[in-house]
Amino acid sequence: MLPEHPYAIYTVKADGSRLKRLSPKPCLPGPPQCEDGANASFLRDGRHFVYTRATAGERHFANWDQIEHSDIVVRDLDGGNPRVLIRSRPFGGDYNSPQFSPDGSRLLYVRVNSPLSKPALKRALFVASVDGSHSRRITPWSLNGGDNPDWAPNGKLIVFRSHEEGEGGAQSQIYVVRPNGTGLRAITRFQRSTQVLSYSFSPDAKWITFAKTGTGGLPDLFVMRVDGRNIRSLTHSKLWESAPDWGRTR
């Protein structure tokens, strides 16, 4: 079942004012009235947002709990007019981190397979048409890639992290790939036990900011060229720092 208080999607102004809930309420039993919303991002038109909607019950496997329905949904900015772009089969997996390309023509997302899908418990990046059709896997299942991949502002590259779960002691690295699945390459060679978290392209697509293990073993923020050269630190903090977003030029 969904948690008693599911996650919900909100908007807020940059100064902290006008907090507004966009997810449906109140939460009533059963889909689609009761939903758990996550991974929201704006469409380029500024009038819609896309997110992951989880609904219905759960099925329990060994070391894995799977929600029945995981859908990629677009809504108007007031929360109305939901439109399902991609729908999972029952208990088949999760569809996470949906993002439209900068020109709005393609949809990027991460598919995480349940124990009922093959290969079981693996994840990969997919790109689909704007309406959710013609979905295509662009990274190998063996990389187990994901963790909120980001489009380059020019739409020519996607950055993501390998081995999101770090299974079998595998070390996460930062990769880039073209939207058609070509040009896949690791741009980092981090040593084992390096924690890698989140990334964002610069507006000119020449740099990437990211978080990794830094001061005192906690994540700091760094920047590097898009080919992985010239890594340098931006912060030296005893606090946990991650999820940097470079922002966009006007």
C-alpha atoms as a PDB file:
ATOM      1  CA  MET A   1       0.000   0.000   0.000  1.00  0.00           C
ATOM      2  CA  LEU A   2       1.019   3.613  -0.375  1.00  0.00           C
ATOM      3  CA  PRO A   3       2.361   5.303   2.781  1.00  0.00           C
ATOM      4  CA  GLU A   4      -0.144   7.045   5.041  1.00  0.00           C
ATOM      5  CA  HIS A   5       1.258  10.396   3.921  1.00  0.00           C
ATOM      6  CA  PRO A   6       2.493   9.981   0.312  1.00  0.00           C
ATOM      7  CA  TYR A   7       4.923  12.403  -1.280  1.00  0.00           C
ATOM      8  CA  ALA A   8       3.287  15.294  -3.099  1.00  0.00           C
ATOM      9  CA  ILE A   9       4.318  17.836  -5.735  1.00  0.00           C
ATOM     10  CA  TYR A  10       4.440  21.535  -4.803  1.00  0.00           C
ATOM     11  CA  THR A  11       5.571  24.798  -6.370  1.00  0.00           C
ATOM     12  CA  VAL A  12       6.974  27.790  -4.497  1.00  0.00           C
ATOM     13  CA  LYS A  13       8.360  31.154  -5.539  1.00  0.00           C
ATOM     14  CA  ALA A  14      12.107  31.745  -5.285  1.00  0.00           C
ATOM     15  CA  ASP A  15      11.613  33.914  -2.174  1.00  0.00           C
ATOM     16  CA  GLY A  16       9.744  31.114  -0.391  1.00  0.00           C
ATOM     17  CA  SER A  17       6.280  32.604  -0.803  1.00  0.00           C
ATOM     18  CA  ARG A  18       3.132  31.209  -2.446  1.00  0.00           C
ATOM     19  CA  LEU A  19       3.682  27.549  -1.596  1.00  0.00           C
ATOM     20  CA  LYS A  20       1.098  25.570  -3.577  1.00  0.00           C
ATOM     21  CA  ARG A  21       0.255  21.872  -3.649  1.00  0.00           C
ATOM     22  CA  LEU A  22      -0.229  20.454  -7.148  1.00  0.00           C
ATOM     23  CA  SER A  23      -0.841  16.798  -6.263  1.00  0.00           C
ATOM     24  CA  PRO A  24      -4.447  15.661  -5.807  1.00  0.00           C
ATOM     25  CA  LYS A  25      -5.997  15.887  -2.353  1.00  0.00           C
ATOM     26  CA  PRO A  26      -7.432  14.562  -0.184  1.00  0.00           C
ATOM     27  CA  CYS A  27      -5.778  11.175  -0.514  1.00  0.00           C
ATOM     28  CA  LEU A  28      -8.524   8.634  -1.071  1.00  0.00           C
ATOM     29  CA  PRO A  29      -7.976   4.862  -1.279  1.00  0.00           C
ATOM     30  CA  GLY A  30      -7.197   3.443  -4.692  1.00  0.00           C
ATOM     31  CA  PRO A  31      -5.802   4.809  -7.965  1.00  0.00           C
ATOM     32  CA  PRO A  32      -5.771   7.431  -9.238  1.00  0.00           C
ATOM     33  CA  GLN A  33      -7.272   9.319  -6.300  1.00  0.00           C
ATOM     34  CA  CYS A  34      -4.416   8.355  -3.979  1.00  0.00           C
ATOM     35  CA  GLU A  35      -0.962   8.839  -5.471  1.00  0.00           C
ATOM     36  CA  ASP A  36       2.661   9.268  -4.490  1.00  0.00           C
ATOM     37  CA  GLY A  37       4.319  11.954  -6.649  1.00  0.00           C
ATOM     38  CA  ALA A  38       8.065  12.397  -7.147  1.00  0.00           C
ATOM     39  CA  ASN A  39      10.823  13.492  -9.560  1.00  0.00           C
ATOM     40  CA  ALA A  40       8.976  16.528 -10.893  1.00  0.00           C
ATOM     41  CA  SER A  41      10.440  18.847 -13.547  1.00  0.00           C
ATOM     42  CA  PHE A  42       9.033  21.701 -15.621  1.00  0.00           C
ATOM     43  CA  LEU A  43       8.356  21.540 -19.311  1.00  0.00           C
ATOM     44  CA  ARG A  44       9.973  24.251 -21.392  1.00  0.00           C
ATOM     45  CA  ASP A  45       6.671  26.088 -21.880  1.00  0.00           C
ATOM     46  CA  GLY A  46       6.515  26.818 -18.138  1.00  0.00           C
ATOM     47  CA  ARG A  47       2.841  25.783 -18.101  1.00  0.00           C
ATOM     48  CA  HIS A  48       3.207  22.050 -17.450  1.00  0.00           C
ATOM     49  CA  PHE A  49       5.280  19.674 -15.347  1.00  0.00           C
ATOM     50  CA  VAL A  50       6.172  15.995 -15.658  1.00  0.00           C
ATOM     51  CA  TYR A  51       6.613  13.598 -12.749  1.00  0.00           C
ATOM     52  CA  THR A  52       6.500   9.980 -11.579  1.00  0.00           C
ATOM     53  CA  ARG A  53       3.124   8.870 -10.202  1.00  0.00           C
ATOM     54  CA  ALA A  54       2.927   5.734  -8.039  1.00  0.00           C
ATOM     55  CA  THR A  55      -0.488   4.268  -7.234  1.00  0.00           C
ATOM     56  CA  ALA A  56      -2.307   1.222  -5.825  1.00  0.00           C
ATOM     57  CA  GLY A  57      -0.854  -1.541  -3.648  1.00  0.00           C
ATOM     58  CA  GLU A  58       2.541  -3.103  -3.052  1.00  0.00           C
ATOM     59  CA  ARG A  59       3.928  -6.569  -3.639  1.00  0.00           C
ATOM     60  CA  HIS A  60       6.681  -7.807  -1.353  1.00  0.00           C
ATOM     61  CA  PHE A  61       9.681  -9.728  -2.647  1.00  0.00           C
ATOM     62  CA  ALA A  62      12.885 -10.712  -0.868  1.00  0.00           C
ATOM     63  CA  ASN A  63      14.637  -7.381  -0.100  1.00  0.00           C
ATOM     64  CA  TRP A  64      12.339  -5.543  -2.519  1.00  0.00           C
ATOM     65  CA  ASP A  65       8.925  -3.849  -2.250  1.00  0.00           C
ATOM     66  CA  GLN A  66       7.281  -2.994  -5.570  1.00  0.00           C
ATOM     67  CA  ILE A  67       4.402  -0.572  -6.140  1.00  0.00           C
ATOM     68  CA  GLU A  68       1.722  -1.817  -8.553  1.00  0.00           C
ATOM     69  CA  HIS A  69       1.633   1.155 -10.936  1.00  0.00           C
ATOM     70  CA  SER A  70       4.466   3.551 -11.804  1.00  0.00           C
ATOM     71  CA  ASP A  71       3.522   6.068 -14.478  1.00  0.00           C
ATOM     72  CA  ILE A  72       5.093   9.116 -16.097  1.00  0.00           C
ATOM     73  CA  VAL A  73       2.451  11.838 -16.033  1.00  0.00           C
ATOM     74  CA  VAL A  74       2.196  15.402 -17.349  1.00  0.00           C
ATOM     75  CA  ARG A  75      -0.095  17.902 -15.613  1.00  0.00           C
ATOM     76  CA  ASP A  76      -0.970  21.540 -16.118  1.00  0.00           C
ATOM     77  CA  LEU A  77       0.838  23.882 -13.757  1.00  0.00           C
ATOM     78  CA  ASP A  78      -2.299  24.190 -11.618  1.00  0.00           C
ATOM     79  CA  GLY A  79      -2.246  20.402 -11.088  1.00  0.00           C
ATOM     80  CA  GLY A  80      -5.141  19.679 -13.433  1.00  0.00           C
ATOM     81  CA  ASN A  81      -5.540  17.709 -16.653  1.00  0.00           C
ATOM     82  CA  PRO A  82      -3.268  14.695 -15.938  1.00  0.00           C
ATOM     83  CA  ARG A  83      -2.031  12.835 -19.025  1.00  0.00           C
ATOM     84  CA  VAL A  84      -0.220   9.492 -18.733  1.00  0.00           C
ATOM     85  CA  LEU A  85       2.705   9.260 -21.164  1.00  0.00           C
ATOM     86  CA  ILE A  86       4.223   5.956 -20.052  1.00  0.00           C
ATOM     87  CA  ARG A  87       2.554   3.315 -17.886  1.00  0.00           C
ATOM     88  CA  SER A  88       4.233   0.355 -16.223  1.00  0.00           C
ATOM     89  CA  ARG A  89       2.689  -3.084 -16.316  1.00  0.00           C
ATOM     90  CA  PRO A  90       1.462  -4.175 -12.854  1.00  0.00           C
ATOM     91  CA  PHE A  91       4.403  -4.605 -10.480  1.00  0.00           C
ATOM     92  CA  GLY A  92       6.782  -4.435 -13.447  1.00  0.00           C
ATOM     93  CA  GLY A  93       9.066  -1.682 -12.162  1.00  0.00           C
ATOM     94  CA  ASP A  94       9.500   2.033 -11.601  1.00  0.00           C
ATOM     95  CA  TYR A  95       9.795   4.855 -14.141  1.00  0.00           C
ATOM     96  CA  ASN A  96      11.871   7.583 -12.518  1.00  0.00           C
ATOM     97  CA  SER A  97      13.496  10.962 -13.185  1.00  0.00           C
ATOM     98  CA  PRO A  98      11.427  12.038 -16.228  1.00  0.00           C
ATOM     99  CA  GLN A  99      12.804  15.094 -18.046  1.00  0.00           C
ATOM    100  CA  PHE A 100      11.990  16.591 -21.400  1.00  0.00           C
ATOM    101  CA  SER A 101      14.824  17.622 -23.700  1.00  0.00           C
ATOM    102  CA  PRO A 102      15.590  21.366 -23.912  1.00  0.00           C
ATOM    103  CA  ASP A 103      13.709  21.625 -27.217  1.00  0.00           C
ATOM    104  CA  GLY A 104      10.772  19.657 -25.794  1.00  0.00           C
ATOM    105  CA  SER A 105      10.906  16.965 -28.490  1.00  0.00           C
ATOM    106  CA  ARG A 106      12.067  13.958 -26.422  1.00  0.00           C
ATOM    107  CA  LEU A 107      11.466  12.446 -23.003  1.00  0.00           C
ATOM    108  CA  LEU A 108      14.264  10.987 -20.878  1.00  0.00           C
ATOM    109  CA  TYR A 109      13.588   8.649 -17.967  1.00  0.00           C
ATOM    110  CA  VAL A 110      15.129   5.864 -15.880  1.00  0.00           C
ATOM    111  CA  ARG A 111      13.489   2.446 -15.818  1.00  0.00           C
ATOM    112  CA  VAL A 112      14.111   0.285 -12.742  1.00  0.00           C
ATOM    113  CA  ASN A 113      13.020  -3.322 -13.220  1.00  0.00           C
ATOM    114  CA  SER A 114      11.215  -5.251 -10.503  1.00  0.00           C
ATOM    115  CA  PRO A 115      11.973  -8.922  -9.773  1.00  0.00           C
ATOM    116  CA  LEU A 116       9.237  -9.759 -12.323  1.00  0.00           C
ATOM    117  CA  SER A 117      10.985  -7.996 -15.238  1.00  0.00           C
ATOM    118  CA  LYS A 118      14.128  -8.971 -17.114  1.00  0.00           C
ATOM    119  CA  PRO A 119      16.868  -8.340 -16.289  1.00  0.00           C
ATOM    120  CA  ALA A 120      15.545  -8.350 -12.732  1.00  0.00           C
ATOM    121  CA  LEU A 121      16.412  -5.393 -10.470  1.00  0.00           C
ATOM    122  CA  LYS A 122      18.451  -3.646 -13.156  1.00  0.00           C
ATOM    123  CA  ARG A 123      18.088  -0.038 -14.308  1.00  0.00           C
ATOM    124  CA  ALA A 124      18.824   1.871 -17.494  1.00  0.00           C
ATOM    125  CA  LEU A 125      18.152   5.177 -19.256  1.00  0.00           C
ATOM    126  CA  PHE A 126      15.442   5.391 -21.911  1.00  0.00           C
ATOM    127  CA  VAL A 127      14.494   8.126 -24.387  1.00  0.00           C
ATOM    128  CA  ALA A 128      11.005   8.354 -25.890  1.00  0.00           C
ATOM    129  CA  SER A 129       9.050  10.649 -28.169  1.00  0.00           C
ATOM    130  CA  VAL A 130       7.256  13.593 -26.597  1.00  0.00           C
ATOM    131  CA  ASP A 131       4.031  11.577 -26.290  1.00  0.00           C
ATOM    132  CA  GLY A 132       5.786   8.611 -24.650  1.00  0.00           C
ATOM    133  CA  SER A 133       5.860   6.449 -27.779  1.00  0.00           C
ATOM    134  CA  HIS A 134       8.912   4.889 -29.482  1.00  0.00           C
ATOM    135  CA  SER A 135      10.734   4.372 -26.189  1.00  0.00           C
ATOM    136  CA  ARG A 136      14.337   3.220 -26.636  1.00  0.00           C
ATOM    137  CA  ARG A 137      16.947   2.073 -24.117  1.00  0.00           C
ATOM    138  CA  ILE A 138      20.172   4.098 -24.499  1.00  0.00           C
ATOM    139  CA  THR A 139      22.407   2.607 -21.774  1.00  0.00           C
ATOM    140  CA  PRO A 140      23.306  -1.048 -21.094  1.00  0.00           C
ATOM    141  CA  TRP A 141      21.607  -2.782 -18.185  1.00  0.00           C
ATOM    142  CA  SER A 142      25.059  -3.794 -16.931  1.00  0.00           C
ATOM    143  CA  LEU A 143      25.864  -0.165 -16.021  1.00  0.00           C
ATOM    144  CA  ASN A 144      22.836   0.086 -13.721  1.00  0.00           C
ATOM    145  CA  GLY A 145      22.779   3.793 -14.569  1.00  0.00           C
ATOM    146  CA  GLY A 146      20.460   6.461 -13.259  1.00  0.00           C
ATOM    147  CA  ASP A 147      20.346   9.002 -10.429  1.00  0.00           C
ATOM    148  CA  ASN A 148      18.537  11.936 -12.071  1.00  0.00           C
ATOM    149  CA  PRO A 149      20.283  12.142 -15.452  1.00  0.00           C
ATOM    150  CA  ASP A 150      20.556  15.648 -16.888  1.00  0.00           C
ATOM    151  CA  TRP A 151      20.260  16.970 -20.454  1.00  0.00           C
ATOM    152  CA  ALA A 152      22.941  19.288 -21.799  1.00  0.00           C
ATOM    153  CA  PRO A 153      21.301  22.656 -22.631  1.00  0.00           C
ATOM    154  CA  ASN A 154      21.980  22.057 -26.333  1.00  0.00           C
ATOM    155  CA  GLY A 155      20.306  18.631 -26.139  1.00  0.00           C
ATOM    156  CA  LYS A 156      23.342  16.815 -27.538  1.00  0.00           C
ATOM    157  CA  LEU A 157      24.443  14.902 -24.423  1.00  0.00           C
ATOM    158  CA  ILE A 158      22.981  13.320 -21.299  1.00  0.00           C
ATOM    159  CA  VAL A 159      24.991  12.933 -18.096  1.00  0.00           C
ATOM    160  CA  PHE A 160      24.283  10.169 -15.572  1.00  0.00           C
ATOM    161  CA  ARG A 161      25.858   8.018 -12.889  1.00  0.00           C
ATOM    162  CA  SER A 162      26.672   4.319 -13.278  1.00  0.00           C
ATOM    163  CA  HIS A 163      25.958   1.683 -10.624  1.00  0.00           C
ATOM    164  CA  GLU A 164      23.468   3.808  -8.748  1.00  0.00           C
ATOM    165  CA  GLU A 165      23.057   1.187  -6.039  1.00  0.00           C
ATOM    166  CA  GLY A 166      26.757   0.311  -5.924  1.00  0.00           C
ATOM    167  CA  GLU A 167      25.907  -3.384  -6.088  1.00  0.00           C
ATOM    168  CA  GLY A 168      28.740  -5.878  -5.567  1.00  0.00           C
ATOM    169  CA  GLY A 169      31.083  -3.110  -4.477  1.00  0.00           C
ATOM    170  CA  ALA A 170      31.005  -1.504  -7.938  1.00  0.00           C
ATOM    171  CA  GLN A 171      32.301   2.070  -8.022  1.00  0.00           C
ATOM    172  CA  SER A 172      29.992   4.706  -9.503  1.00  0.00           C
ATOM    173  CA  GLN A 173      31.411   6.799 -12.330  1.00  0.00           C
ATOM    174  CA  ILE A 174      29.980   9.737 -14.258  1.00  0.00           C
ATOM    175  CA  TYR A 175      29.102   8.966 -17.892  1.00  0.00           C
ATOM    176  CA  VAL A 176      27.807  10.888 -20.871  1.00  0.00           C
ATOM    177  CA  VAL A 177      25.811   9.503 -23.790  1.00  0.00           C
ATOM    178  CA  ARG A 178      24.035  10.929 -26.818  1.00  0.00           C
ATOM    179  CA  PRO A 179      20.214  10.768 -26.851  1.00  0.00           C
ATOM    180  CA  ASN A 180      20.317   8.068 -29.529  1.00  0.00           C
ATOM    181  CA  GLY A 181      22.539   5.840 -27.356  1.00  0.00           C
ATOM    182  CA  THR A 182      25.808   6.448 -29.211  1.00  0.00           C
ATOM    183  CA  GLY A 183      28.956   7.983 -27.782  1.00  0.00           C
ATOM    184  CA  LEU A 184      28.645   6.304 -24.381  1.00  0.00           C
ATOM    185  CA  ARG A 185      31.768   6.979 -22.318  1.00  0.00           C
ATOM    186  CA  ALA A 186      32.923   7.309 -18.732  1.00  0.00           C
ATOM    187  CA  ILE A 187      34.371  10.749 -18.032  1.00  0.00           C
ATOM    188  CA  THR A 188      35.608   9.981 -14.489  1.00  0.00           C
ATOM    189  CA  ARG A 189      37.921   7.372 -13.003  1.00  0.00           C
ATOM    190  CA  PHE A 190      37.142   7.695  -9.312  1.00  0.00           C
ATOM    191  CA  GLN A 191      38.819   5.367  -6.849  1.00  0.00           C
ATOM    192  CA  ARG A 192      36.785   2.763  -4.988  1.00  0.00           C
ATOM    193  CA  SER A 193      34.626   3.981  -2.092  1.00  0.00           C
ATOM    194  CA  THR A 194      34.153   7.402  -3.696  1.00  0.00           C
ATOM    195  CA  GLN A 195      30.571   8.505  -3.242  1.00  0.00           C
ATOM    196  CA  VAL A 196      29.199  10.186  -6.367  1.00  0.00           C
ATOM    197  CA  LEU A 197      25.996  12.243  -6.215  1.00  0.00           C
ATOM    198  CA  SER A 198      24.166  14.362  -8.795  1.00  0.00           C
ATOM    199  CA  TYR A 199      25.403  16.636 -11.587  1.00  0.00           C
ATOM    200  CA  SER A 200      24.368  19.476 -13.836  1.00  0.00           C
ATOM    201  CA  PHE A 201      25.585  20.939 -17.136  1.00  0.00           C
ATOM    202  CA  SER A 202      26.701  24.544 -17.458  1.00  0.00           C
ATOM    203  CA  PRO A 203      24.598  26.715 -19.812  1.00  0.00           C
ATOM    204  CA  ASP A 204      27.259  26.452 -22.545  1.00  0.00           C
ATOM    205  CA  ALA A 205      27.448  22.623 -22.123  1.00  0.00           C
ATOM    206  CA  LYS A 206      31.240  22.819 -21.630  1.00  0.00           C
ATOM    207  CA  TRP A 207      31.325  22.114 -17.884  1.00  0.00           C
ATOM    208  CA  ILE A 208      29.623  19.810 -15.392  1.00  0.00           C
ATOM    209  CA  THR A 209      29.164  20.497 -11.696  1.00  0.00           C
ATOM    210  CA  PHE A 210      28.726  17.476  -9.429  1.00  0.00           C
ATOM    211  CA  ALA A 211      29.036  16.189  -5.877  1.00  0.00           C
ATOM    212  CA  LYS A 212      31.412  13.539  -4.602  1.00  0.00           C
ATOM    213  CA  THR A 213      33.283  12.515  -1.468  1.00  0.00           C
ATOM    214  CA  GLY A 214      35.185  15.507  -0.101  1.00  0.00           C
ATOM    215  CA  THR A 215      36.004  17.067   3.271  1.00  0.00           C
ATOM    216  CA  GLY A 216      35.689  14.678   6.193  1.00  0.00           C
ATOM    217  CA  GLY A 217      34.338  11.939   3.937  1.00  0.00           C
ATOM    218  CA  LEU A 218      31.102  13.827   3.190  1.00  0.00           C
ATOM    219  CA  PRO A 219      30.144  15.101  -0.278  1.00  0.00           C
ATOM    220  CA  ASP A 220      31.454  18.455  -1.501  1.00  0.00           C
ATOM    221  CA  LEU A 221      30.710  20.216  -4.787  1.00  0.00           C
ATOM    222  CA  PHE A 222      33.127  20.051  -7.725  1.00  0.00           C
ATOM    223  CA  VAL A 223      33.319  21.179 -11.334  1.00  0.00           C
ATOM    224  CA  MET A 224      34.995  19.596 -14.364  1.00  0.00           C
ATOM    225  CA  ARG A 225      35.159  19.945 -18.130  1.00  0.00           C
ATOM    226  CA  VAL A 226      32.598  17.924 -20.051  1.00  0.00           C
ATOM    227  CA  ASP A 227      35.331  15.403 -20.948  1.00  0.00           C
ATOM    228  CA  GLY A 228      36.217  14.895 -17.264  1.00  0.00           C
ATOM    229  CA  ARG A 229      39.391  17.013 -17.255  1.00  0.00           C
ATOM    230  CA  ASN A 230      40.291  19.824 -14.848  1.00  0.00           C
ATOM    231  CA  ILE A 231      38.345  18.607 -11.811  1.00  0.00           C
ATOM    232  CA  ARG A 232      38.442  21.218  -9.062  1.00  0.00           C
ATOM    233  CA  SER A 233      36.570  21.660  -5.820  1.00  0.00           C
ATOM    234  CA  LEU A 234      34.025  24.401  -5.235  1.00  0.00           C
ATOM    235  CA  THR A 235      33.284  23.802  -1.550  1.00  0.00           C
ATOM    236  CA  HIS A 236      35.148  22.490   1.496  1.00  0.00           C
ATOM    237  CA  SER A 237      32.454  21.898   4.075  1.00  0.00           C
ATOM    238  CA  LYS A 238      31.856  19.574   6.991  1.00  0.00           C
ATOM    239  CA  LEU A 239      28.201  19.488   5.915  1.00  0.00           C
ATOM    240  CA  TRP A 240      26.603  17.197   3.329  1.00  0.00           C
ATOM    241  CA  GLU A 241      26.460  19.066   0.002  1.00  0.00           C
ATOM    242  CA  SER A 242      24.904  17.647  -3.141  1.00  0.00           C
ATOM    243  CA  ALA A 243      22.336  18.179  -5.924  1.00  0.00           C
ATOM    244  CA  PRO A 244      24.013  21.220  -7.556  1.00  0.00           C
ATOM    245  CA  ASP A 245      22.059  22.831 -10.388  1.00  0.00           C
ATOM    246  CA  TRP A 246      23.937  25.231 -12.625  1.00  0.00           C
ATOM    247  CA  GLY A 247      20.803  26.993 -13.788  1.00  0.00           C
ATOM    248  CA  ARG A 248      20.186  28.507 -17.192  1.00  0.00           C
ATOM    249  CA  THR A 249      20.918  31.769 -18.915  1.00  0.00           C
ATOM    250  CA  ARG A 250      17.980  33.906 -20.012  1.00  0.00           C
END
